[in-house]
PDB file of N, CA and C in Angstrom:
ATOM      1  N   MET A   1     -12.315  -6.571  14.323  1.00  0.00           N
ATOM      2  CA  MET A   1     -12.871  -7.247  15.468  1.00  0.00           C
ATOM      3  C   MET A   1     -11.872  -7.144  16.618  1.00  0.00           C
ATOM      4  N   TYR A   2     -12.385  -6.965  17.809  1.00  0.00           N
ATOM      5  CA  TYR A   2     -11.541  -6.901  18.989  1.00  0.00           C
ATOM      6  C   TYR A   2     -12.200  -7.660  20.124  1.00  0.00           C
ATOM      7  N   ALA A   3     -11.410  -7.942  21.151  1.00  0.00           N
ATOM      8  CA  ALA A   3     -11.911  -8.659  22.323  1.00  0.00           C
ATOM      9  C   ALA A   3     -11.261  -8.076  23.569  1.00  0.00           C
ATOM     10  N   ILE A   4     -11.997  -8.085  24.661  1.00  0.00           N
ATOM     11  CA  ILE A   4     -11.461  -7.719  25.967  1.00  0.00           C
ATOM     12  C   ILE A   4     -11.273  -9.032  26.718  1.00  0.00           C
ATOM     13  N   ILE A   5     -10.018  -9.337  27.073  1.00  0.00           N
ATOM     14  CA  ILE A   5      -9.719 -10.585  27.775  1.00  0.00           C
ATOM     15  C   ILE A   5      -9.249 -10.276  29.188  1.00  0.00           C
ATOM     16  N   GLU A   6      -9.422 -11.238  30.064  1.00  0.00           N
ATOM     17  CA  GLU A   6      -8.945 -11.124  31.435  1.00  0.00           C
ATOM     18  C   GLU A   6      -7.730 -12.031  31.583  1.00  0.00           C
ATOM     19  N   ASP A   7      -6.632 -11.453  32.088  1.00  0.00           N
ATOM     20  CA  ASP A   7      -5.414 -12.229  32.263  1.00  0.00           C
ATOM     21  C   ASP A   7      -4.673 -11.713  33.479  1.00  0.00           C
ATOM     22  N   SER A   8      -4.424 -12.571  34.428  1.00  0.00           N
ATOM     23  CA  SER A   8      -3.684 -12.231  35.652  1.00  0.00           C
ATOM     24  C   SER A   8      -4.317 -11.062  36.397  1.00  0.00           C
ATOM     25  N   GLY A   9      -5.645 -11.003  36.418  1.00  0.00           N
ATOM     26  CA  GLY A   9      -6.331  -9.950  37.153  1.00  0.00           C
ATOM     27  C   GLY A   9      -6.428  -8.631  36.415  1.00  0.00           C
ATOM     28  N   THR A  10      -6.003  -8.567  35.150  1.00  0.00           N
ATOM     29  CA  THR A  10      -6.095  -7.333  34.376  1.00  0.00           C
ATOM     30  C   THR A  10      -6.950  -7.563  33.141  1.00  0.00           C
ATOM     31  N   GLN A  11      -7.560  -6.493  32.645  1.00  0.00           N
ATOM     32  CA  GLN A  11      -8.347  -6.558  31.430  1.00  0.00           C
ATOM     33  C   GLN A  11      -7.522  -5.964  30.297  1.00  0.00           C
ATOM     34  N   ILE A  12      -7.442  -6.681  29.179  1.00  0.00           N
ATOM     35  CA  ILE A  12      -6.584  -6.293  28.065  1.00  0.00           C
ATOM     36  C   ILE A  12      -7.417  -6.290  26.785  1.00  0.00           C
ATOM     37  N   LYS A  13      -7.307  -5.200  26.006  1.00  0.00           N
ATOM     38  CA  LYS A  13      -7.978  -5.131  24.711  1.00  0.00           C
ATOM     39  C   LYS A  13      -7.052  -5.739  23.663  1.00  0.00           C
ATOM     40  N   ALA A  14      -7.590  -6.696  22.894  1.00  0.00           N
ATOM     41  CA  ALA A  14      -6.785  -7.411  21.908  1.00  0.00           C
ATOM     42  C   ALA A  14      -7.502  -7.419  20.563  1.00  0.00           C
ATOM     43  N   SER A  15      -6.789  -7.036  19.523  1.00  0.00           N
ATOM     44  CA  SER A  15      -7.265  -7.143  18.149  1.00  0.00           C
ATOM     45  C   SER A  15      -6.332  -8.087  17.403  1.00  0.00           C
ATOM     46  N   GLU A  16      -6.781  -8.609  16.280  1.00  0.00           N
ATOM     47  CA  GLU A  16      -5.936  -9.515  15.500  1.00  0.00           C
ATOM     48  C   GLU A  16      -4.715  -8.758  14.995  1.00  0.00           C
ATOM     49  N   GLY A  17      -3.537  -9.335  15.206  1.00  0.00           N
ATOM     50  CA  GLY A  17      -2.289  -8.715  14.791  1.00  0.00           C
ATOM     51  C   GLY A  17      -1.622  -7.872  15.862  1.00  0.00           C
ATOM     52  N   ASP A  18      -2.283  -7.635  16.987  1.00  0.00           N
ATOM     53  CA  ASP A  18      -1.689  -6.847  18.071  1.00  0.00           C
ATOM     54  C   ASP A  18      -0.583  -7.627  18.772  1.00  0.00           C
ATOM     55  N   VAL A  19       0.439  -6.915  19.212  1.00  0.00           N
ATOM     56  CA  VAL A  19       1.505  -7.504  20.023  1.00  0.00           C
ATOM     57  C   VAL A  19       1.263  -7.060  21.465  1.00  0.00           C
ATOM     58  N   LEU A  20       1.067  -8.023  22.365  1.00  0.00           N
ATOM     59  CA  LEU A  20       0.729  -7.740  23.758  1.00  0.00           C
ATOM     60  C   LEU A  20       1.875  -8.127  24.681  1.00  0.00           C
ATOM     61  N   THR A  21       2.061  -7.340  25.734  1.00  0.00           N
ATOM     62  CA  THR A  21       3.025  -7.645  26.781  1.00  0.00           C
ATOM     63  C   THR A  21       2.246  -8.119  27.994  1.00  0.00           C
ATOM     64  N   LEU A  22       2.465  -9.378  28.386  1.00  0.00           N
ATOM     65  CA  LEU A  22       1.710  -9.997  29.473  1.00  0.00           C
ATOM     66  C   LEU A  22       2.645 -10.447  30.578  1.00  0.00           C
ATOM     67  N   ASP A  23       2.064 -10.724  31.751  1.00  0.00           N
ATOM     68  CA  ASP A  23       2.847 -11.302  32.837  1.00  0.00           C
ATOM     69  C   ASP A  23       3.314 -12.691  32.437  1.00  0.00           C
ATOM     70  N   ILE A  24       4.490 -13.040  32.904  1.00  0.00           N
ATOM     71  CA  ILE A  24       5.070 -14.341  32.562  1.00  0.00           C
ATOM     72  C   ILE A  24       4.267 -15.451  33.242  1.00  0.00           C
ATOM     73  N   ARG A  25       4.242 -16.628  32.617  1.00  0.00           N
ATOM     74  CA  ARG A  25       3.486 -17.757  33.150  1.00  0.00           C
ATOM     75  C   ARG A  25       4.229 -19.056  32.865  1.00  0.00           C
ATOM     76  N   GLU A  26       3.852 -20.090  33.566  1.00  0.00           N
ATOM     77  CA  GLU A  26       4.440 -21.411  33.368  1.00  0.00           C
ATOM     78  C   GLU A  26       3.787 -22.061  32.155  1.00  0.00           C
ATOM     79  N   LEU A  27       4.593 -22.397  31.160  1.00  0.00           N
ATOM     80  CA  LEU A  27       4.127 -23.069  29.956  1.00  0.00           C
ATOM     81  C   LEU A  27       5.076 -24.211  29.625  1.00  0.00           C
ATOM     82  N   PRO A  28       4.600 -25.226  28.918  1.00  0.00           N
ATOM     83  CA  PRO A  28       5.513 -26.279  28.464  1.00  0.00           C
ATOM     84  C   PRO A  28       6.570 -25.692  27.527  1.00  0.00           C
ATOM     85  N   ASP A  29       7.732 -26.334  27.483  1.00  0.00           N
ATOM     86  CA  ASP A  29       8.839 -25.821  26.668  1.00  0.00           C
ATOM     87  C   ASP A  29       8.535 -25.819  25.175  1.00  0.00           C
ATOM     88  N   ASP A  30       7.676 -26.739  24.710  1.00  0.00           N
ATOM     89  CA  ASP A  30       7.385 -26.831  23.284  1.00  0.00           C
ATOM     90  C   ASP A  30       6.148 -26.032  22.867  1.00  0.00           C
ATOM     91  N   ALA A  31       5.575 -25.234  23.768  1.00  0.00           N
ATOM     92  CA  ALA A  31       4.368 -24.460  23.455  1.00  0.00           C
ATOM     93  C   ALA A  31       4.699 -23.324  22.492  1.00  0.00           C
ATOM     94  N   LYS A  32       3.909 -23.208  21.428  1.00  0.00           N
ATOM     95  CA  LYS A  32       4.078 -22.137  20.440  1.00  0.00           C
ATOM     96  C   LYS A  32       2.950 -21.108  20.526  1.00  0.00           C
ATOM     97  N   THR A  33       1.804 -21.516  21.097  1.00  0.00           N
ATOM     98  CA  THR A  33       0.651 -20.626  21.186  1.00  0.00           C
ATOM     99  C   THR A  33       0.094 -20.614  22.605  1.00  0.00           C
ATOM    100  N   VAL A  34      -0.672 -19.562  22.895  1.00  0.00           N
ATOM    101  CA  VAL A  34      -1.379 -19.428  24.167  1.00  0.00           C
ATOM    102  C   VAL A  34      -2.837 -19.148  23.840  1.00  0.00           C
ATOM    103  N   THR A  35      -3.767 -19.800  24.549  1.00  0.00           N
ATOM    104  CA  THR A  35      -5.190 -19.582  24.326  1.00  0.00           C
ATOM    105  C   THR A  35      -5.800 -18.973  25.575  1.00  0.00           C
ATOM    106  N   PHE A  36      -6.507 -17.869  25.397  1.00  0.00           N
ATOM    107  CA  PHE A  36      -7.199 -17.189  26.490  1.00  0.00           C
ATOM    108  C   PHE A  36      -8.680 -17.482  26.350  1.00  0.00           C
ATOM    109  N   ASP A  37      -9.272 -18.139  27.353  1.00  0.00           N
ATOM    110  CA  ASP A  37     -10.687 -18.485  27.281  1.00  0.00           C
ATOM    111  C   ASP A  37     -11.558 -17.577  28.144  1.00  0.00           C
ATOM    112  N   ARG A  38     -10.959 -16.684  28.917  1.00  0.00           N
ATOM    113  CA  ARG A  38     -11.738 -15.750  29.732  1.00  0.00           C
ATOM    114  C   ARG A  38     -11.929 -14.454  28.940  1.00  0.00           C
ATOM    115  N   VAL A  39     -12.898 -14.480  28.025  1.00  0.00           N
ATOM    116  CA  VAL A  39     -13.189 -13.337  27.160  1.00  0.00           C
ATOM    117  C   VAL A  39     -14.389 -12.608  27.751  1.00  0.00           C
ATOM    118  N   LEU A  40     -14.222 -11.330  28.063  1.00  0.00           N
ATOM    119  CA  LEU A  40     -15.281 -10.541  28.678  1.00  0.00           C
ATOM    120  C   LEU A  40     -16.207  -9.897  27.650  1.00  0.00           C
ATOM    121  N   LEU A  41     -15.658  -9.526  26.480  1.00  0.00           N
ATOM    122  CA  LEU A  41     -16.445  -8.826  25.465  1.00  0.00           C
ATOM    123  C   LEU A  41     -15.834  -9.077  24.099  1.00  0.00           C
ATOM    124  N   ILE A  42     -16.689  -9.218  23.106  1.00  0.00           N
ATOM    125  CA  ILE A  42     -16.246  -9.281  21.715  1.00  0.00           C
ATOM    126  C   ILE A  42     -16.997  -8.184  20.983  1.00  0.00           C
ATOM    127  N   GLY A  43     -16.269  -7.336  20.270  1.00  0.00           N
ATOM    128  CA  GLY A  43     -16.899  -6.220  19.578  1.00  0.00           C
ATOM    129  C   GLY A  43     -16.311  -6.016  18.201  1.00  0.00           C
ATOM    130  N   GLY A  44     -16.940  -5.099  17.468  1.00  0.00           N
ATOM    131  CA  GLY A  44     -16.496  -4.786  16.123  1.00  0.00           C
ATOM    132  C   GLY A  44     -17.604  -5.008  15.123  1.00  0.00           C
ATOM    133  N   ASP A  45     -17.492  -4.384  13.966  1.00  0.00           N
ATOM    134  CA  ASP A  45     -18.459  -4.513  12.874  1.00  0.00           C
ATOM    135  C   ASP A  45     -19.865  -4.093  13.298  1.00  0.00           C
ATOM    136  N   GLY A  46     -19.975  -3.150  14.225  1.00  0.00           N
ATOM    137  CA  GLY A  46     -21.269  -2.612  14.629  1.00  0.00           C
ATOM    138  C   GLY A  46     -22.061  -3.457  15.609  1.00  0.00           C
ATOM    139  N   LYS A  47     -21.509  -4.565  16.079  1.00  0.00           N
ATOM    140  CA  LYS A  47     -22.227  -5.373  17.063  1.00  0.00           C
ATOM    141  C   LYS A  47     -21.258  -5.807  18.154  1.00  0.00           C
ATOM    142  N   SER A  48     -21.792  -6.041  19.338  1.00  0.00           N
ATOM    143  CA  SER A  48     -20.980  -6.447  20.477  1.00  0.00           C
ATOM    144  C   SER A  48     -21.648  -7.597  21.206  1.00  0.00           C
ATOM    145  N   THR A  49     -20.825  -8.450  21.792  1.00  0.00           N
ATOM    146  CA  THR A  49     -21.311  -9.534  22.634  1.00  0.00           C
ATOM    147  C   THR A  49     -20.663  -9.369  23.992  1.00  0.00           C
ATOM    148  N   ILE A  50     -21.494  -9.175  25.011  1.00  0.00           N
ATOM    149  CA  ILE A  50     -21.000  -8.947  26.354  1.00  0.00           C
ATOM    150  C   ILE A  50     -21.258 -10.208  27.172  1.00  0.00           C
ATOM    151  N   GLY A  51     -20.237 -10.672  27.877  1.00  0.00           N
ATOM    152  CA  GLY A  51     -20.362 -11.870  28.688  1.00  0.00           C
ATOM    153  C   GLY A  51     -20.885 -11.563  30.073  1.00  0.00           C
ATOM    154  N   GLN A  52     -21.388 -12.599  30.740  1.00  0.00           N
ATOM    155  CA  GLN A  52     -21.905 -12.438  32.091  1.00  0.00           C
ATOM    156  C   GLN A  52     -21.369 -13.541  32.984  1.00  0.00           C
ATOM    157  N   PRO A  53     -20.146 -13.568  33.458  1.00  0.00           N
ATOM    158  CA  PRO A  53     -19.087 -12.599  33.239  1.00  0.00           C
ATOM    159  C   PRO A  53     -18.267 -12.868  31.972  1.00  0.00           C
ATOM    160  N   TYR A  54     -18.313 -14.105  31.418  1.00  0.00           N
ATOM    161  CA  TYR A  54     -17.508 -14.422  30.244  1.00  0.00           C
ATOM    162  C   TYR A  54     -18.418 -14.785  29.077  1.00  0.00           C
ATOM    163  N   VAL A  55     -17.934 -14.587  27.851  1.00  0.00           N
ATOM    164  CA  VAL A  55     -18.673 -14.949  26.643  1.00  0.00           C
ATOM    165  C   VAL A  55     -18.510 -16.451  26.431  1.00  0.00           C
ATOM    166  N   ASP A  56     -19.635 -17.159  26.292  1.00  0.00           N
ATOM    167  CA  ASP A  56     -19.604 -18.612  26.120  1.00  0.00           C
ATOM    168  C   ASP A  56     -18.999 -18.982  24.766  1.00  0.00           C
ATOM    169  N   GLY A  57     -18.046 -19.907  24.774  1.00  0.00           N
ATOM    170  CA  GLY A  57     -17.450 -20.425  23.552  1.00  0.00           C
ATOM    171  C   GLY A  57     -16.456 -19.498  22.876  1.00  0.00           C
ATOM    172  N   ALA A  58     -16.122 -18.390  23.499  1.00  0.00           N
ATOM    173  CA  ALA A  58     -15.194 -17.439  22.889  1.00  0.00           C
ATOM    174  C   ALA A  58     -13.777 -17.709  23.375  1.00  0.00           C
ATOM    175  N   SER A  59     -12.806 -17.471  22.489  1.00  0.00           N
ATOM    176  CA  SER A  59     -11.412 -17.624  22.872  1.00  0.00           C
ATOM    177  C   SER A  59     -10.546 -16.746  21.985  1.00  0.00           C
ATOM    178  N   VAL A  60      -9.375 -16.417  22.502  1.00  0.00           N
ATOM    179  CA  VAL A  60      -8.387 -15.635  21.770  1.00  0.00           C
ATOM    180  C   VAL A  60      -7.110 -16.457  21.734  1.00  0.00           C
ATOM    181  N   THR A  61      -6.559 -16.675  20.544  1.00  0.00           N
ATOM    182  CA  THR A  61      -5.335 -17.444  20.375  1.00  0.00           C
ATOM    183  C   THR A  61      -4.212 -16.505  19.982  1.00  0.00           C
ATOM    184  N   ALA A  62      -3.052 -16.677  20.639  1.00  0.00           N
ATOM    185  CA  ALA A  62      -1.904 -15.812  20.372  1.00  0.00           C
ATOM    186  C   ALA A  62      -0.645 -16.657  20.227  1.00  0.00           C
ATOM    187  N   GLU A  63       0.246 -16.217  19.332  1.00  0.00           N
ATOM    188  CA  GLU A  63       1.533 -16.885  19.130  1.00  0.00           C
ATOM    189  C   GLU A  63       2.559 -16.262  20.067  1.00  0.00           C
ATOM    190  N   ILE A  64       3.419 -17.079  20.628  1.00  0.00           N
ATOM    191  CA  ILE A  64       4.453 -16.588  21.534  1.00  0.00           C
ATOM    192  C   ILE A  64       5.606 -16.033  20.703  1.00  0.00           C
ATOM    193  N   ILE A  65       5.925 -14.754  20.919  1.00  0.00           N
ATOM    194  CA  ILE A  65       7.051 -14.126  20.238  1.00  0.00           C
ATOM    195  C   ILE A  65       8.297 -14.230  21.104  1.00  0.00           C
ATOM    196  N   ASP A  66       8.174 -13.789  22.347  1.00  0.00           N
ATOM    197  CA  ASP A  66       9.301 -13.813  23.279  1.00  0.00           C
ATOM    198  C   ASP A  66       8.802 -14.406  24.588  1.00  0.00           C
ATOM    199  N   ARG A  67       9.371 -15.547  24.976  1.00  0.00           N
ATOM    200  CA  ARG A  67       8.889 -16.267  26.153  1.00  0.00           C
ATOM    201  C   ARG A  67       9.182 -15.534  27.449  1.00  0.00           C
ATOM    202  N   GLU A  68      10.316 -14.833  27.519  1.00  0.00           N
ATOM    203  CA  GLU A  68      10.667 -14.144  28.748  1.00  0.00           C
ATOM    204  C   GLU A  68      11.607 -12.984  28.445  1.00  0.00           C
ATOM    205  N   PHE A  69      11.222 -11.788  28.867  1.00  0.00           N
ATOM    206  CA  PHE A  69      12.115 -10.636  28.793  1.00  0.00           C
ATOM    207  C   PHE A  69      11.833  -9.750  29.993  1.00  0.00           C
ATOM    208  N   LYS A  70      12.771  -8.868  30.280  1.00  0.00           N
ATOM    209  CA  LYS A  70      12.646  -8.015  31.449  1.00  0.00           C
ATOM    210  C   LYS A  70      12.198  -6.621  31.044  1.00  0.00           C
ATOM    211  N   GLY A  71      11.363  -6.026  31.883  1.00  0.00           N
ATOM    212  CA  GLY A  71      10.902  -4.671  31.646  1.00  0.00           C
ATOM    213  C   GLY A  71      11.927  -3.665  32.133  1.00  0.00           C
ATOM    214  N   GLU A  72      11.519  -2.395  32.170  1.00  0.00           N
ATOM    215  CA  GLU A  72      12.412  -1.346  32.627  1.00  0.00           C
ATOM    216  C   GLU A  72      12.701  -1.493  34.110  1.00  0.00           C
ATOM    217  N   LYS A  73      13.868  -1.028  34.517  1.00  0.00           N
ATOM    218  CA  LYS A  73      14.254  -1.099  35.909  1.00  0.00           C
ATOM    219  C   LYS A  73      13.575   0.028  36.680  1.00  0.00           C
ATOM    220  N   ILE A  74      13.038  -0.317  37.838  1.00  0.00           N
ATOM    221  CA  ILE A  74      12.480   0.694  38.731  1.00  0.00           C
ATOM    222  C   ILE A  74      13.289   0.689  40.017  1.00  0.00           C
ATOM    223  N   ASP A  75      13.377   1.841  40.658  1.00  0.00           N
ATOM    224  CA  ASP A  75      14.093   1.964  41.914  1.00  0.00           C
ATOM    225  C   ASP A  75      13.097   2.045  43.050  1.00  0.00           C
ATOM    226  N   VAL A  76      13.314   1.221  44.078  1.00  0.00           N
ATOM    227  CA  VAL A  76      12.499   1.237  45.283  1.00  0.00           C
ATOM    228  C   VAL A  76      13.355   1.874  46.369  1.00  0.00           C
ATOM    229  N   ILE A  77      12.911   3.008  46.874  1.00  0.00           N
ATOM    230  CA  ILE A  77      13.695   3.752  47.860  1.00  0.00           C
ATOM    231  C   ILE A  77      12.904   3.858  49.150  1.00  0.00           C
ATOM    232  N   LYS A  78      13.531   3.477  50.252  1.00  0.00           N
ATOM    233  CA  LYS A  78      12.935   3.618  51.584  1.00  0.00           C
ATOM    234  C   LYS A  78      13.797   4.604  52.360  1.00  0.00           C
ATOM    235  N   PHE A  79      13.149   5.548  53.036  1.00  0.00           N
ATOM    236  CA  PHE A  79      13.881   6.621  53.701  1.00  0.00           C
ATOM    237  C   PHE A  79      13.103   7.086  54.919  1.00  0.00           C
ATOM    238  N   LYS A  80      13.790   7.262  56.029  1.00  0.00           N
ATOM    239  CA  LYS A  80      13.190   7.849  57.231  1.00  0.00           C
ATOM    240  C   LYS A  80      14.053   9.025  57.655  1.00  0.00           C
ATOM    241  N   ARG A  81      13.456  10.165  57.767  1.00  0.00           N
ATOM    242  CA  ARG A  81      14.224  11.361  58.079  1.00  0.00           C
ATOM    243  C   ARG A  81      14.730  11.339  59.519  1.00  0.00           C
ATOM    244  N   ARG A  82      15.884  11.888  59.694  1.00  0.00           N
ATOM    245  CA  ARG A  82      16.548  12.051  60.998  1.00  0.00           C
ATOM    246  C   ARG A  82      16.855  10.730  61.707  1.00  0.00           C
ATOM    247  N   LYS A  83      16.790   9.611  61.025  1.00  0.00           N
ATOM    248  CA  LYS A  83      17.055   8.313  61.662  1.00  0.00           C
ATOM    249  C   LYS A  83      18.296   7.639  61.088  1.00  0.00           C
ATOM    250  N   GLY A  84      18.865   8.187  60.025  1.00  0.00           N
ATOM    251  CA  GLY A  84      20.023   7.572  59.398  1.00  0.00           C
ATOM    252  C   GLY A  84      19.669   6.316  58.628  1.00  0.00           C
ATOM    253  N   TYR A  85      18.412   6.208  58.180  1.00  0.00           N
ATOM    254  CA  TYR A  85      17.925   5.004  57.490  1.00  0.00           C
ATOM    255  C   TYR A  85      17.628   5.359  56.039  1.00  0.00           C
ATOM    256  N   LYS A  86      18.331   4.693  55.117  1.00  0.00           N
ATOM    257  CA  LYS A  86      18.078   4.882  53.689  1.00  0.00           C
ATOM    258  C   LYS A  86      18.450   3.581  52.976  1.00  0.00           C
ATOM    259  N   VAL A  87      17.509   3.033  52.200  1.00  0.00           N
ATOM    260  CA  VAL A  87      17.721   1.791  51.470  1.00  0.00           C
ATOM    261  C   VAL A  87      17.279   2.013  50.032  1.00  0.00           C
ATOM    262  N   LYS A  88      18.111   1.607  49.074  1.00  0.00           N
ATOM    263  CA  LYS A  88      17.764   1.682  47.664  1.00  0.00           C
ATOM    264  C   LYS A  88      17.864   0.284  47.079  1.00  0.00           C
ATOM    265  N   GLN A  89      16.808  -0.111  46.357  1.00  0.00           N
ATOM    266  CA  GLN A  89      16.748  -1.447  45.782  1.00  0.00           C
ATOM    267  C   GLN A  89      16.170  -1.329  44.377  1.00  0.00           C
ATOM    268  N   GLY A  90      16.668  -2.115  43.440  1.00  0.00           N
ATOM    269  CA  GLY A  90      16.168  -2.108  42.075  1.00  0.00           C
ATOM    270  C   GLY A  90      15.326  -3.345  41.789  1.00  0.00           C
ATOM    271  N   HIS A  91      14.456  -3.233  40.774  1.00  0.00           N
ATOM    272  CA  HIS A  91      13.599  -4.352  40.402  1.00  0.00           C
ATOM    273  C   HIS A  91      13.310  -4.280  38.910  1.00  0.00           C
ATOM    274  N   ARG A  92      13.359  -5.436  38.234  1.00  0.00           N
ATOM    275  CA  ARG A  92      12.967  -5.542  36.835  1.00  0.00           C
ATOM    276  C   ARG A  92      11.958  -6.675  36.707  1.00  0.00           C
ATOM    277  N   GLN A  93      10.737  -6.338  36.326  1.00  0.00           N
ATOM    278  CA  GLN A  93       9.659  -7.309  36.193  1.00  0.00           C
ATOM    279  C   GLN A  93       9.867  -8.147  34.931  1.00  0.00           C
ATOM    280  N   ARG A  94       9.523  -9.429  35.002  1.00  0.00           N
ATOM    281  CA  ARG A  94       9.633 -10.322  33.846  1.00  0.00           C
ATOM    282  C   ARG A  94       8.285 -10.381  33.121  1.00  0.00           C
ATOM    283  N   TYR A  95       8.338 -10.300  31.793  1.00  0.00           N
ATOM    284  CA  TYR A  95       7.145 -10.305  30.965  1.00  0.00           C
ATOM    285  C   TYR A  95       7.271 -11.327  29.843  1.00  0.00           C
ATOM    286  N   MET A  96       6.135 -11.539  29.137  1.00  0.00           N
ATOM    287  CA  MET A  96       6.081 -12.401  27.973  1.00  0.00           C
ATOM    288  C   MET A  96       5.421 -11.610  26.847  1.00  0.00           C
ATOM    289  N   LYS A  97       5.909 -11.743  25.615  1.00  0.00           N
ATOM    290  CA  LYS A  97       5.369 -11.000  24.479  1.00  0.00           C
ATOM    291  C   LYS A  97       4.686 -11.980  23.539  1.00  0.00           C
ATOM    292  N   VAL A  98       3.412 -11.678  23.187  1.00  0.00           N
ATOM    293  CA  VAL A  98       2.637 -12.535  22.286  1.00  0.00           C
ATOM    294  C   VAL A  98       2.006 -11.685  21.184  1.00  0.00           C
ATOM    295  N   LYS A  99       1.687 -12.338  20.062  1.00  0.00           N
ATOM    296  CA  LYS A  99       1.000 -11.687  18.953  1.00  0.00           C
ATOM    297  C   LYS A  99      -0.335 -12.391  18.746  1.00  0.00           C
ATOM    298  N   VAL A 100      -1.414 -11.624  18.776  1.00  0.00           N
ATOM    299  CA  VAL A 100      -2.771 -12.195  18.647  1.00  0.00           C
ATOM    300  C   VAL A 100      -2.974 -12.655  17.215  1.00  0.00           C
ATOM    301  N   SER A 101      -3.343 -13.940  17.068  1.00  0.00           N
ATOM    302  CA  SER A 101      -3.512 -14.497  15.727  1.00  0.00           C
ATOM    303  C   SER A 101      -4.981 -14.649  15.352  1.00  0.00           C
ATOM    304  N   SER A 102      -5.855 -15.015  16.308  1.00  0.00           N
ATOM    305  CA  SER A 102      -7.265 -15.185  15.956  1.00  0.00           C
ATOM    306  C   SER A 102      -8.167 -14.949  17.163  1.00  0.00           C
ATOM    307  N   ILE A 103      -9.368 -14.477  16.855  1.00  0.00           N
ATOM    308  CA  ILE A 103     -10.422 -14.278  17.858  1.00  0.00           C
ATOM    309  C   ILE A 103     -11.633 -15.061  17.384  1.00  0.00           C
ATOM    310  N   THR A 104     -12.116 -15.977  18.214  1.00  0.00           N
ATOM    311  CA  THR A 104     -13.274 -16.779  17.839  1.00  0.00           C
ATOM    312  C   THR A 104     -14.378 -16.571  18.866  1.00  0.00           C
ATOM    313  N   GLY A 105     -15.614 -16.622  18.401  1.00  0.00           N
ATOM    314  CA  GLY A 105     -16.716 -16.518  19.346  1.00  0.00           C
ATOM    315  C   GLY A 105     -17.878 -15.790  18.840  1.00  0.00           C
TER     316      GLY A 105
END
């Protein structure tokens, strides 16, 4: 069984046992799980349920593995020819890692 969930403006395919990398979010310090209630589609076993826009009563529960880690570093370079202008800046996006434990709906 799998589900397509919406999170932070992106659509993510999630199956039970998958480890997902998501955008970081504000959560209580004692939170062990995250529940996603914006489920767009539930599929598997030869049948599918498509939401309009969301599937009623469906949710995906995931356990938090790593609350905050940084992704790969990217370089942002700005350059204008013949003007003597060159700027280099680095950026590392912060992410959260979760493991999908159950899909209901």
